[in-house]
PDB file of N, CA and C in Angstrom:
ATOM      1  N   UNK A   1     174.373   8.460 176.331  1.00  0.00           N
ATOM      2  CA  UNK A   1     175.299   9.283 175.606  1.00  0.00           C
ATOM      3  C   UNK A   1     175.855   8.482 174.423  1.00  0.00           C
ATOM      4  N   UNK A   2     175.881   9.101 173.240  1.00  0.00           N
ATOM      5  CA  UNK A   2     176.349   8.428 172.027  1.00  0.00           C
ATOM      6  C   UNK A   2     177.870   8.411 171.991  1.00  0.00           C
ATOM      7  N   UNK A   3     178.448   7.343 171.423  1.00  0.00           N
ATOM      8  CA  UNK A   3     179.909   7.322 171.268  1.00  0.00           C
ATOM      9  C   UNK A   3     180.358   8.471 170.357  1.00  0.00           C
ATOM     10  N   UNK A   4     181.584   8.889 170.514  1.00  0.00           N
ATOM     11  CA  UNK A   4     182.125  10.016 169.764  1.00  0.00           C
ATOM     12  C   UNK A   4     182.073   9.798 168.255  1.00  0.00           C
ATOM     13  N   UNK A   5     182.311   8.583 167.791  1.00  0.00           N
ATOM     14  CA  UNK A   5     182.376   8.327 166.360  1.00  0.00           C
ATOM     15  C   UNK A   5     181.010   8.415 165.681  1.00  0.00           C
ATOM     16  N   UNK A   6     179.905   8.420 166.437  1.00  0.00           N
ATOM     17  CA  UNK A   6     178.587   8.518 165.831  1.00  0.00           C
ATOM     18  C   UNK A   6     178.170   9.959 165.613  1.00  0.00           C
ATOM     19  N   UNK A   7     178.847  10.877 166.267  1.00  0.00           N
ATOM     20  CA  UNK A   7     178.506  12.292 166.089  1.00  0.00           C
ATOM     21  C   UNK A   7     179.130  12.786 164.785  1.00  0.00           C
ATOM     22  N   UNK A   8     178.350  13.517 164.008  1.00  0.00           N
ATOM     23  CA  UNK A   8     178.853  14.057 162.765  1.00  0.00           C
ATOM     24  C   UNK A   8     178.746  15.582 162.813  1.00  0.00           C
ATOM     25  N   UNK A   9     179.548  16.184 161.984  1.00  0.00           N
ATOM     26  CA  UNK A   9     179.493  17.650 161.889  1.00  0.00           C
ATOM     27  C   UNK A   9     178.201  18.026 161.201  1.00  0.00           C
ATOM     28  N   UNK A  10     177.606  19.126 161.613  1.00  0.00           N
ATOM     29  CA  UNK A  10     176.383  19.571 160.938  1.00  0.00           C
ATOM     30  C   UNK A  10     176.676  19.986 159.500  1.00  0.00           C
ATOM     31  N   UNK A  11     175.754  19.692 158.625  1.00  0.00           N
ATOM     32  CA  UNK A  11     175.905  20.041 157.226  1.00  0.00           C
ATOM     33  C   UNK A  11     175.754  21.551 157.080  1.00  0.00           C
ATOM     34  N   UNK A  12     176.647  22.203 156.327  1.00  0.00           N
ATOM     35  CA  UNK A  12     176.522  23.646 156.174  1.00  0.00           C
ATOM     36  C   UNK A  12     175.236  24.001 155.430  1.00  0.00           C
ATOM     37  N   UNK A  13     174.578  25.067 155.859  1.00  0.00           N
ATOM     38  CA  UNK A  13     173.322  25.489 155.247  1.00  0.00           C
ATOM     39  C   UNK A  13     173.557  25.927 153.811  1.00  0.00           C
ATOM     40  N   UNK A  14     174.614  26.669 153.582  1.00  0.00           N
ATOM     41  CA  UNK A  14     174.919  27.164 152.244  1.00  0.00           C
ATOM     42  C   UNK A  14     176.379  26.862 151.960  1.00  0.00           C
ATOM     43  N   UNK A  15     176.629  26.227 150.850  1.00  0.00           N
ATOM     44  CA  UNK A  15     178.010  25.904 150.461  1.00  0.00           C
ATOM     45  C   UNK A  15     178.444  26.908 149.384  1.00  0.00           C
ATOM     46  N   UNK A  16     179.640  27.380 149.493  1.00  0.00           N
ATOM     47  CA  UNK A  16     180.172  28.328 148.506  1.00  0.00           C
ATOM     48  C   UNK A  16     180.857  27.539 147.388  1.00  0.00           C
ATOM     49  N   UNK A  17     180.509  27.843 146.155  1.00  0.00           N
ATOM     50  CA  UNK A  17     181.109  27.215 144.983  1.00  0.00           C
ATOM     51  C   UNK A  17     181.871  28.269 144.202  1.00  0.00           C
ATOM     52  N   UNK A  18     182.977  27.856 143.590  1.00  0.00           N
ATOM     53  CA  UNK A  18     183.757  28.797 142.777  1.00  0.00           C
ATOM     54  C   UNK A  18     182.947  29.191 141.549  1.00  0.00           C
ATOM     55  N   UNK A  19     183.321  30.280 140.952  1.00  0.00           N
ATOM     56  CA  UNK A  19     182.650  30.755 139.743  1.00  0.00           C
ATOM     57  C   UNK A  19     182.797  29.712 138.627  1.00  0.00           C
ATOM     58  N   UNK A  20     183.975  29.099 138.550  1.00  0.00           N
ATOM     59  CA  UNK A  20     184.219  28.068 137.536  1.00  0.00           C
ATOM     60  C   UNK A  20     183.254  26.896 137.707  1.00  0.00           C
ATOM     61  N   UNK A  21     183.097  26.437 138.952  1.00  0.00           N
ATOM     62  CA  UNK A  21     182.190  25.311 139.209  1.00  0.00           C
ATOM     63  C   UNK A  21     180.758  25.682 138.869  1.00  0.00           C
ATOM     64  N   UNK A  22     180.338  26.870 139.248  1.00  0.00           N
ATOM     65  CA  UNK A  22     178.977  27.322 138.959  1.00  0.00           C
ATOM     66  C   UNK A  22     178.737  27.381 137.452  1.00  0.00           C
ATOM     67  N   UNK A  23     179.714  27.910 136.718  1.00  0.00           N
ATOM     68  CA  UNK A  23     179.575  27.998 135.263  1.00  0.00           C
ATOM     69  C   UNK A  23     179.539  26.612 134.628  1.00  0.00           C
ATOM     70  N   UNK A  24     180.365  25.685 135.114  1.00  0.00           N
ATOM     71  CA  UNK A  24     180.409  24.333 134.554  1.00  0.00           C
ATOM     72  C   UNK A  24     179.090  23.600 134.786  1.00  0.00           C
ATOM     73  N   UNK A  25     178.545  23.722 135.990  1.00  0.00           N
ATOM     74  CA  UNK A  25     177.272  23.056 136.308  1.00  0.00           C
ATOM     75  C   UNK A  25     176.135  23.677 135.470  1.00  0.00           C
ATOM     76  N   UNK A  26     176.161  24.987 135.324  1.00  0.00           N
ATOM     77  CA  UNK A  26     175.123  25.647 134.503  1.00  0.00           C
ATOM     78  C   UNK A  26     175.220  25.221 133.047  1.00  0.00           C
ATOM     79  N   UNK A  27     176.439  25.124 132.526  1.00  0.00           N
ATOM     80  CA  UNK A  27     176.634  24.706 131.147  1.00  0.00           C
ATOM     81  C   UNK A  27     176.159  23.275 130.929  1.00  0.00           C
ATOM     82  N   UNK A  28     176.501  22.393 131.826  1.00  0.00           N
ATOM     83  CA  UNK A  28     176.063  20.997 131.713  1.00  0.00           C
ATOM     84  C   UNK A  28     174.527  20.913 131.779  1.00  0.00           C
ATOM     85  N   UNK A  29     173.920  21.681 132.664  1.00  0.00           N
ATOM     86  CA  UNK A  29     172.462  21.720 132.764  1.00  0.00           C
ATOM     87  C   UNK A  29     171.817  22.195 131.487  1.00  0.00           C
ATOM     88  N   UNK A  30     172.415  23.222 130.851  1.00  0.00           N
ATOM     89  CA  UNK A  30     171.889  23.719 129.579  1.00  0.00           C
ATOM     90  C   UNK A  30     172.022  22.680 128.486  1.00  0.00           C
ATOM     91  N   UNK A  31     173.153  21.982 128.458  1.00  0.00           N
ATOM     92  CA  UNK A  31     173.359  20.938 127.454  1.00  0.00           C
ATOM     93  C   UNK A  31     172.331  19.830 127.615  1.00  0.00           C
ATOM     94  N   UNK A  32     172.065  19.444 128.864  1.00  0.00           N
ATOM     95  CA  UNK A  32     171.081  18.394 129.126  1.00  0.00           C
ATOM     96  C   UNK A  32     169.692  18.856 128.689  1.00  0.00           C
ATOM     97  N   UNK A  33     169.330  20.091 129.035  1.00  0.00           N
ATOM     98  CA  UNK A  33     168.005  20.619 128.665  1.00  0.00           C
ATOM     99  C   UNK A  33     167.847  20.681 127.145  1.00  0.00           C
ATOM    100  N   UNK A  34     168.857  21.223 126.457  1.00  0.00           N
ATOM    101  CA  UNK A  34     168.765  21.340 125.002  1.00  0.00           C
ATOM    102  C   UNK A  34     168.648  19.981 124.332  1.00  0.00           C
ATOM    103  N   UNK A  35     169.392  19.003 124.814  1.00  0.00           N
ATOM    104  CA  UNK A  35     169.327  17.656 124.228  1.00  0.00           C
ATOM    105  C   UNK A  35     167.978  17.028 124.495  1.00  0.00           C
ATOM    106  N   UNK A  36     167.448  17.217 125.713  1.00  0.00           N
ATOM    107  CA  UNK A  36     166.127  16.669 126.036  1.00  0.00           C
ATOM    108  C   UNK A  36     165.068  17.260 125.124  1.00  0.00           C
ATOM    109  N   UNK A  37     165.134  18.571 124.907  1.00  0.00           N
ATOM    110  CA  UNK A  37     164.142  19.221 124.039  1.00  0.00           C
ATOM    111  C   UNK A  37     164.303  18.805 122.573  1.00  0.00           C
ATOM    112  N   UNK A  38     165.553  18.621 122.117  1.00  0.00           N
ATOM    113  CA  UNK A  38     165.776  18.140 120.753  1.00  0.00           C
ATOM    114  C   UNK A  38     165.163  16.770 120.546  1.00  0.00           C
ATOM    115  N   UNK A  39     165.207  15.943 121.577  1.00  0.00           N
ATOM    116  CA  UNK A  39     164.645  14.585 121.506  1.00  0.00           C
ATOM    117  C   UNK A  39     163.150  14.566 121.798  1.00  0.00           C
ATOM    118  N   UNK A  40     162.590  15.753 121.994  1.00  0.00           N
ATOM    119  CA  UNK A  40     161.157  15.933 122.237  1.00  0.00           C
ATOM    120  C   UNK A  40     160.659  15.136 123.449  1.00  0.00           C
ATOM    121  N   UNK A  41     161.426  15.192 124.520  1.00  0.00           N
ATOM    122  CA  UNK A  41     161.046  14.541 125.769  1.00  0.00           C
ATOM    123  C   UNK A  41     160.617  15.580 126.785  1.00  0.00           C
ATOM    124  N   UNK A  42     159.548  15.309 127.506  1.00  0.00           N
ATOM    125  CA  UNK A  42     159.163  16.207 128.587  1.00  0.00           C
ATOM    126  C   UNK A  42     160.028  15.903 129.807  1.00  0.00           C
ATOM    127  N   UNK A  43     160.015  16.827 130.754  1.00  0.00           N
ATOM    128  CA  UNK A  43     160.770  16.605 131.992  1.00  0.00           C
ATOM    129  C   UNK A  43     160.226  15.378 132.731  1.00  0.00           C
ATOM    130  N   UNK A  44     158.913  15.189 132.677  1.00  0.00           N
ATOM    131  CA  UNK A  44     158.295  14.034 133.338  1.00  0.00           C
ATOM    132  C   UNK A  44     158.736  12.726 132.673  1.00  0.00           C
ATOM    133  N   UNK A  45     158.804  12.694 131.355  1.00  0.00           N
ATOM    134  CA  UNK A  45     159.245  11.494 130.650  1.00  0.00           C
ATOM    135  C   UNK A  45     160.712  11.188 130.952  1.00  0.00           C
ATOM    136  N   UNK A  46     161.539  12.233 130.997  1.00  0.00           N
ATOM    137  CA  UNK A  46     162.952  12.050 131.304  1.00  0.00           C
ATOM    138  C   UNK A  46     163.124  11.557 132.733  1.00  0.00           C
ATOM    139  N   UNK A  47     162.352  12.111 133.641  1.00  0.00           N
ATOM    140  CA  UNK A  47     162.428  11.702 135.038  1.00  0.00           C
ATOM    141  C   UNK A  47     162.039  10.240 135.190  1.00  0.00           C
ATOM    142  N   UNK A  48     161.010   9.816 134.478  1.00  0.00           N
ATOM    143  CA  UNK A  48     160.573   8.420 134.540  1.00  0.00           C
ATOM    144  C   UNK A  48     161.666   7.497 134.010  1.00  0.00           C
ATOM    145  N   UNK A  49     162.288   7.892 132.909  1.00  0.00           N
ATOM    146  CA  UNK A  49     163.369   7.068 132.342  1.00  0.00           C
ATOM    147  C   UNK A  49     164.536   6.936 133.296  1.00  0.00           C
ATOM    148  N   UNK A  50     164.873   8.037 133.968  1.00  0.00           N
ATOM    149  CA  UNK A  50     166.018   8.037 134.874  1.00  0.00           C
ATOM    150  C   UNK A  50     165.678   7.508 136.260  1.00  0.00           C
ATOM    151  N   UNK A  51     164.397   7.369 136.554  1.00  0.00           N
ATOM    152  CA  UNK A  51     163.969   6.886 137.871  1.00  0.00           C
ATOM    153  C   UNK A  51     164.128   7.933 138.972  1.00  0.00           C
ATOM    154  N   UNK A  52     163.931   9.182 138.603  1.00  0.00           N
ATOM    155  CA  UNK A  52     164.025  10.282 139.573  1.00  0.00           C
ATOM    156  C   UNK A  52     162.795  11.177 139.444  1.00  0.00           C
ATOM    157  N   UNK A  53     162.715  12.201 140.265  1.00  0.00           N
ATOM    158  CA  UNK A  53     161.556  13.089 140.222  1.00  0.00           C
ATOM    159  C   UNK A  53     161.724  14.145 139.127  1.00  0.00           C
ATOM    160  N   UNK A  54     160.600  14.695 138.706  1.00  0.00           N
ATOM    161  CA  UNK A  54     160.617  15.764 137.698  1.00  0.00           C
ATOM    162  C   UNK A  54     161.308  16.990 138.259  1.00  0.00           C
ATOM    163  N   UNK A  55     161.130  17.235 139.539  1.00  0.00           N
ATOM    164  CA  UNK A  55     161.773  18.369 140.189  1.00  0.00           C
ATOM    165  C   UNK A  55     163.288  18.269 140.148  1.00  0.00           C
ATOM    166  N   UNK A  56     163.818  17.052 140.272  1.00  0.00           N
ATOM    167  CA  UNK A  56     165.273  16.877 140.208  1.00  0.00           C
ATOM    168  C   UNK A  56     165.779  17.144 138.784  1.00  0.00           C
ATOM    169  N   UNK A  57     165.014  16.728 137.776  1.00  0.00           N
ATOM    170  CA  UNK A  57     165.378  17.041 136.397  1.00  0.00           C
ATOM    171  C   UNK A  57     165.437  18.556 136.211  1.00  0.00           C
ATOM    172  N   UNK A  58     164.462  19.260 136.750  1.00  0.00           N
ATOM    173  CA  UNK A  58     164.436  20.710 136.625  1.00  0.00           C
ATOM    174  C   UNK A  58     165.634  21.349 137.334  1.00  0.00           C
ATOM    175  N   UNK A  59     165.985  20.822 138.504  1.00  0.00           N
ATOM    176  CA  UNK A  59     167.143  21.365 139.243  1.00  0.00           C
ATOM    177  C   UNK A  59     168.441  21.120 138.464  1.00  0.00           C
ATOM    178  N   UNK A  60     168.561  19.935 137.848  1.00  0.00           N
ATOM    179  CA  UNK A  60     169.750  19.607 137.051  1.00  0.00           C
ATOM    180  C   UNK A  60     169.854  20.603 135.896  1.00  0.00           C
ATOM    181  N   UNK A  61     168.739  20.819 135.194  1.00  0.00           N
ATOM    182  CA  UNK A  61     168.743  21.699 134.045  1.00  0.00           C
ATOM    183  C   UNK A  61     168.969  23.166 134.425  1.00  0.00           C
ATOM    184  N   UNK A  62     168.621  23.543 135.623  1.00  0.00           N
ATOM    185  CA  UNK A  62     168.838  24.914 136.100  1.00  0.00           C
ATOM    186  C   UNK A  62     170.260  25.106 136.611  1.00  0.00           C
ATOM    187  N   UNK A  63     171.031  24.043 136.693  1.00  0.00           N
ATOM    188  CA  UNK A  63     172.412  24.137 137.120  1.00  0.00           C
ATOM    189  C   UNK A  63     172.591  24.194 138.625  1.00  0.00           C
ATOM    190  N   UNK A  64     171.727  23.488 139.351  1.00  0.00           N
ATOM    191  CA  UNK A  64     171.823  23.437 140.808  1.00  0.00           C
ATOM    192  C   UNK A  64     173.029  22.560 141.179  1.00  0.00           C
ATOM    193  N   UNK A  65     174.047  23.132 141.833  1.00  0.00           N
ATOM    194  CA  UNK A  65     175.226  22.334 142.174  1.00  0.00           C
ATOM    195  C   UNK A  65     175.002  21.336 143.301  1.00  0.00           C
ATOM    196  N   UNK A  66     173.834  21.354 143.926  1.00  0.00           N
ATOM    197  CA  UNK A  66     173.540  20.421 145.004  1.00  0.00           C
ATOM    198  C   UNK A  66     173.056  19.061 144.513  1.00  0.00           C
ATOM    199  N   UNK A  67     172.876  18.893 143.209  1.00  0.00           N
ATOM    200  CA  UNK A  67     172.435  17.602 142.655  1.00  0.00           C
ATOM    201  C   UNK A  67     173.577  16.606 142.694  1.00  0.00           C
ATOM    202  N   UNK A  68     173.261  15.365 142.993  1.00  0.00           N
ATOM    203  CA  UNK A  68     174.281  14.321 143.043  1.00  0.00           C
ATOM    204  C   UNK A  68     174.884  14.119 141.658  1.00  0.00           C
ATOM    205  N   UNK A  69     176.216  14.083 141.617  1.00  0.00           N
ATOM    206  CA  UNK A  69     176.912  14.002 140.330  1.00  0.00           C
ATOM    207  C   UNK A  69     176.573  12.708 139.585  1.00  0.00           C
ATOM    208  N   UNK A  70     176.357  11.625 140.318  1.00  0.00           N
ATOM    209  CA  UNK A  70     176.000  10.366 139.667  1.00  0.00           C
ATOM    210  C   UNK A  70     174.680  10.466 138.931  1.00  0.00           C
ATOM    211  N   UNK A  71     173.714  11.133 139.534  1.00  0.00           N
ATOM    212  CA  UNK A  71     172.407  11.304 138.884  1.00  0.00           C
ATOM    213  C   UNK A  71     172.541  12.194 137.652  1.00  0.00           C
ATOM    214  N   UNK A  72     173.311  13.280 137.774  1.00  0.00           N
ATOM    215  CA  UNK A  72     173.502  14.188 136.651  1.00  0.00           C
ATOM    216  C   UNK A  72     174.175  13.447 135.485  1.00  0.00           C
ATOM    217  N   UNK A  73     175.207  12.673 135.790  1.00  0.00           N
ATOM    218  CA  UNK A  73     175.896  11.920 134.745  1.00  0.00           C
ATOM    219  C   UNK A  73     174.971  10.866 134.133  1.00  0.00           C
ATOM    220  N   UNK A  74     174.131  10.248 134.935  1.00  0.00           N
ATOM    221  CA  UNK A  74     173.202   9.239 134.416  1.00  0.00           C
ATOM    222  C   UNK A  74     172.192   9.868 133.456  1.00  0.00           C
ATOM    223  N   UNK A  75     171.663  11.033 133.825  1.00  0.00           N
ATOM    224  CA  UNK A  75     170.714  11.741 132.943  1.00  0.00           C
ATOM    225  C   UNK A  75     171.422  12.111 131.646  1.00  0.00           C
ATOM    226  N   UNK A  76     172.652  12.611 131.740  1.00  0.00           N
ATOM    227  CA  UNK A  76     173.411  12.965 130.538  1.00  0.00           C
ATOM    228  C   UNK A  76     173.654  11.728 129.662  1.00  0.00           C
ATOM    229  N   UNK A  77     173.957  10.606 130.296  1.00  0.00           N
ATOM    230  CA  UNK A  77     174.224   9.365 129.541  1.00  0.00           C
ATOM    231  C   UNK A  77     172.946   8.872 128.865  1.00  0.00           C
ATOM    232  N   UNK A  78     171.829   8.945 129.538  1.00  0.00           N
ATOM    233  CA  UNK A  78     170.557   8.501 128.935  1.00  0.00           C
ATOM    234  C   UNK A  78     170.244   9.336 127.695  1.00  0.00           C
ATOM    235  N   UNK A  79     170.521  10.633 127.780  1.00  0.00           N
ATOM    236  CA  UNK A  79     170.248  11.534 126.657  1.00  0.00           C
ATOM    237  C   UNK A  79     171.312  11.461 125.566  1.00  0.00           C
ATOM    238  N   UNK A  80     172.488  10.911 125.912  1.00  0.00           N
ATOM    239  CA  UNK A  80     173.565  10.858 124.935  1.00  0.00           C
ATOM    240  C   UNK A  80     174.419  12.102 124.913  1.00  0.00           C
ATOM    241  N   UNK A  81     174.389  12.885 125.992  1.00  0.00           N
ATOM    242  CA  UNK A  81     175.234  14.077 126.095  1.00  0.00           C
ATOM    243  C   UNK A  81     176.656  13.598 126.372  1.00  0.00           C
ATOM    244  N   UNK A  82     177.594  13.964 125.500  1.00  0.00           N
ATOM    245  CA  UNK A  82     178.981  13.540 125.661  1.00  0.00           C
ATOM    246  C   UNK A  82     179.638  14.374 126.745  1.00  0.00           C
ATOM    247  N   UNK A  83     180.106  13.710 127.781  1.00  0.00           N
ATOM    248  CA  UNK A  83     180.780  14.424 128.867  1.00  0.00           C
ATOM    249  C   UNK A  83     182.274  14.485 128.639  1.00  0.00           C
ATOM    250  N   UNK A  84     182.841  13.428 128.119  1.00  0.00           N
ATOM    251  CA  UNK A  84     184.276  13.336 127.898  1.00  0.00           C
ATOM    252  C   UNK A  84     184.499  12.817 126.496  1.00  0.00           C
ATOM    253  N   UNK A  85     185.512  13.328 125.860  1.00  0.00           N
ATOM    254  CA  UNK A  85     185.815  12.930 124.483  1.00  0.00           C
ATOM    255  C   UNK A  85     186.865  11.847 124.479  1.00  0.00           C
ATOM    256  N   UNK A  86     186.483  10.646 124.081  1.00  0.00           N
ATOM    257  CA  UNK A  86     187.420   9.526 124.050  1.00  0.00           C
ATOM    258  C   UNK A  86     188.044   9.345 122.668  1.00  0.00           C
ATOM    259  N   UNK A  87     187.688  10.221 121.724  1.00  0.00           N
ATOM    260  CA  UNK A  87     188.221  10.142 120.373  1.00  0.00           C
ATOM    261  C   UNK A  87     189.694  10.574 120.372  1.00  0.00           C
ATOM    262  N   UNK A  88     190.625   9.689 119.966  1.00  0.00           N
ATOM    263  CA  UNK A  88     192.054  10.039 119.996  1.00  0.00           C
ATOM    264  C   UNK A  88     192.377  11.280 119.162  1.00  0.00           C
ATOM    265  N   UNK A  89     191.701  11.434 118.023  1.00  0.00           N
ATOM    266  CA  UNK A  89     191.949  12.615 117.175  1.00  0.00           C
ATOM    267  C   UNK A  89     191.543  13.897 117.899  1.00  0.00           C
ATOM    268  N   UNK A  90     190.401  13.864 118.564  1.00  0.00           N
ATOM    269  CA  UNK A  90     189.938  15.036 119.307  1.00  0.00           C
ATOM    270  C   UNK A  90     190.867  15.354 120.471  1.00  0.00           C
ATOM    271  N   UNK A  91     191.374  14.296 121.145  1.00  0.00           N
ATOM    272  CA  UNK A  91     192.307  14.501 122.247  1.00  0.00           C
ATOM    273  C   UNK A  91     193.603  15.150 121.744  1.00  0.00           C
ATOM    274  N   UNK A  92     194.103  14.694 120.585  1.00  0.00           N
ATOM    275  CA  UNK A  92     195.329  15.267 120.021  1.00  0.00           C
ATOM    276  C   UNK A  92     195.096  16.727 119.635  1.00  0.00           C
ATOM    277  N   UNK A  93     193.933  17.020 119.075  1.00  0.00           N
ATOM    278  CA  UNK A  93     193.601  18.386 118.702  1.00  0.00           C
ATOM    279  C   UNK A  93     193.534  19.283 119.929  1.00  0.00           C
ATOM    280  N   UNK A  94     192.923  18.761 120.992  1.00  0.00           N
ATOM    281  CA  UNK A  94     192.813  19.525 122.234  1.00  0.00           C
ATOM    282  C   UNK A  94     194.190  19.782 122.823  1.00  0.00           C
ATOM    283  N   UNK A  95     195.059  18.767 122.785  1.00  0.00           N
ATOM    284  CA  UNK A  95     196.414  18.940 123.323  1.00  0.00           C
ATOM    285  C   UNK A  95     197.171  19.996 122.520  1.00  0.00           C
ATOM    286  N   UNK A  96     197.035  19.993 121.204  1.00  0.00           N
ATOM    287  CA  UNK A  96     197.698  20.989 120.367  1.00  0.00           C
ATOM    288  C   UNK A  96     197.194  22.387 120.699  1.00  0.00           C
ATOM    289  N   UNK A  97     195.891  22.521 120.936  1.00  0.00           N
ATOM    290  CA  UNK A  97     195.310  23.823 121.300  1.00  0.00           C
ATOM    291  C   UNK A  97     195.858  24.289 122.635  1.00  0.00           C
ATOM    292  N   UNK A  98     195.992  23.371 123.595  1.00  0.00           N
ATOM    293  CA  UNK A  98     196.536  23.721 124.909  1.00  0.00           C
ATOM    294  C   UNK A  98     197.991  24.176 124.795  1.00  0.00           C
ATOM    295  N   UNK A  99     198.753  23.515 123.922  1.00  0.00           N
ATOM    296  CA  UNK A  99     200.147  23.910 123.728  1.00  0.00           C
ATOM    297  C   UNK A  99     200.245  25.291 123.120  1.00  0.00           C
ATOM    298  N   UNK A 100     199.330  25.639 122.197  1.00  0.00           N
ATOM    299  CA  UNK A 100     199.321  26.984 121.616  1.00  0.00           C
ATOM    300  C   UNK A 100     199.000  28.026 122.681  1.00  0.00           C
ATOM    301  N   UNK A 101     198.090  27.696 123.593  1.00  0.00           N
ATOM    302  CA  UNK A 101     197.736  28.624 124.671  1.00  0.00           C
ATOM    303  C   UNK A 101     198.931  28.824 125.594  1.00  0.00           C
ATOM    304  N   UNK A 102     199.605  27.749 125.959  1.00  0.00           N
ATOM    305  CA  UNK A 102     200.777  27.838 126.837  1.00  0.00           C
ATOM    306  C   UNK A 102     201.859  28.684 126.173  1.00  0.00           C
ATOM    307  N   UNK A 103     202.006  28.580 124.853  1.00  0.00           N
ATOM    308  CA  UNK A 103     203.025  29.363 124.150  1.00  0.00           C
ATOM    309  C   UNK A 103     202.733  30.854 124.255  1.00  0.00           C
ATOM    310  N   UNK A 104     201.482  31.246 124.450  1.00  0.00           N
ATOM    311  CA  UNK A 104     201.132  32.648 124.577  1.00  0.00           C
ATOM    312  C   UNK A 104     201.402  33.213 125.969  1.00  0.00           C
ATOM    313  N   UNK A 105     201.548  32.328 126.947  1.00  0.00           N
ATOM    314  CA  UNK A 105     201.760  32.784 128.307  1.00  0.00           C
ATOM    315  C   UNK A 105     203.163  33.374 128.483  1.00  0.00           C
ATOM    316  N   UNK A 106     203.302  34.335 129.391  1.00  0.00           N
ATOM    317  CA  UNK A 106     204.642  34.848 129.676  1.00  0.00           C
ATOM    318  C   UNK A 106     205.524  33.743 130.237  1.00  0.00           C
ATOM    319  N   UNK A 107     206.820  33.852 130.024  1.00  0.00           N
ATOM    320  CA  UNK A 107     207.734  32.792 130.462  1.00  0.00           C
ATOM    321  C   UNK A 107     207.707  32.563 131.960  1.00  0.00           C
ATOM    322  N   UNK A 108     207.410  33.598 132.746  1.00  0.00           N
ATOM    323  CA  UNK A 108     207.374  33.454 134.198  1.00  0.00           C
ATOM    324  C   UNK A 108     206.256  32.521 134.642  1.00  0.00           C
ATOM    325  N   UNK A 109     205.221  32.384 133.853  1.00  0.00           N
ATOM    326  CA  UNK A 109     204.090  31.529 134.216  1.00  0.00           C
ATOM    327  C   UNK A 109     204.366  30.073 133.875  1.00  0.00           C
ATOM    328  N   UNK A 110     205.163  29.844 132.849  1.00  0.00           N
ATOM    329  CA  UNK A 110     205.472  28.465 132.409  1.00  0.00           C
ATOM    330  C   UNK A 110     206.315  27.767 133.458  1.00  0.00           C
ATOM    331  N   UNK A 111     206.188  26.463 133.507  1.00  0.00           N
ATOM    332  CA  UNK A 111     207.028  25.694 134.423  1.00  0.00           C
ATOM    333  C   UNK A 111     208.444  25.605 133.879  1.00  0.00           C
ATOM    334  N   UNK A 112     209.388  25.588 134.770  1.00  0.00           N
ATOM    335  CA  UNK A 112     210.800  25.574 134.398  1.00  0.00           C
ATOM    336  C   UNK A 112     211.185  24.206 133.835  1.00  0.00           C
ATOM    337  N   UNK A 113     212.017  24.240 132.784  1.00  0.00           N
ATOM    338  CA  UNK A 113     212.477  22.970 132.196  1.00  0.00           C
ATOM    339  C   UNK A 113     213.949  22.721 132.537  1.00  0.00           C
ATOM    340  N   UNK A 114     214.573  23.669 133.272  1.00  0.00           N
ATOM    341  CA  UNK A 114     215.956  23.509 133.667  1.00  0.00           C
ATOM    342  C   UNK A 114     216.067  22.487 134.799  1.00  0.00           C
ATOM    343  N   UNK A 115     217.144  21.741 134.753  1.00  0.00           N
ATOM    344  CA  UNK A 115     217.391  20.790 135.832  1.00  0.00           C
ATOM    345  C   UNK A 115     217.879  21.547 137.067  1.00  0.00           C
ATOM    346  N   UNK A 116     217.421  21.165 138.211  1.00  0.00           N
ATOM    347  CA  UNK A 116     217.824  21.813 139.461  1.00  0.00           C
ATOM    348  C   UNK A 116     219.081  21.159 139.959  1.00  0.00           C
ATOM    349  N   UNK A 117     220.074  21.981 140.287  1.00  0.00           N
ATOM    350  CA  UNK A 117     221.332  21.477 140.849  1.00  0.00           C
ATOM    351  C   UNK A 117     221.191  21.492 142.372  1.00  0.00           C
ATOM    352  N   UNK A 118     220.955  20.343 142.936  1.00  0.00           N
ATOM    353  CA  UNK A 118     220.757  20.275 144.395  1.00  0.00           C
ATOM    354  C   UNK A 118     221.813  19.435 145.093  1.00  0.00           C
ATOM    355  N   UNK A 119     222.971  19.239 144.462  1.00  0.00           N
ATOM    356  CA  UNK A 119     224.051  18.484 145.096  1.00  0.00           C
ATOM    357  C   UNK A 119     225.021  19.473 145.759  1.00  0.00           C
ATOM    358  N   UNK A 120     224.870  19.644 147.040  1.00  0.00           N
ATOM    359  CA  UNK A 120     225.653  20.645 147.789  1.00  0.00           C
ATOM    360  C   UNK A 120     226.999  20.149 148.119  1.00  0.00           C
TER     361      UNK A 120
END
């Protein structure tokens, strides 16, 4: 009989992903595919560069959420797909855009800026 700590829960056959996650993975896959094609690389050439199978490249490009995030990020990095914007000007622009969006929200949705009086 195996010790209790060696038993693991069975992996779920199908995992449910939110619509947002599905859209984000699909978008990243499209960006990777478009960049690979712009650089005139075949899926086999990209797979060889990344040290993975051609099938995994195809799954990444199709937006399969079951692909390991490290592999997806590595493929994106090899191709030069920007995942995060480290440019301070772009970050400031993005923050300004977010502030404009928050200004459009009803006041009930915004977080309260009043101090809470909790001294009973």
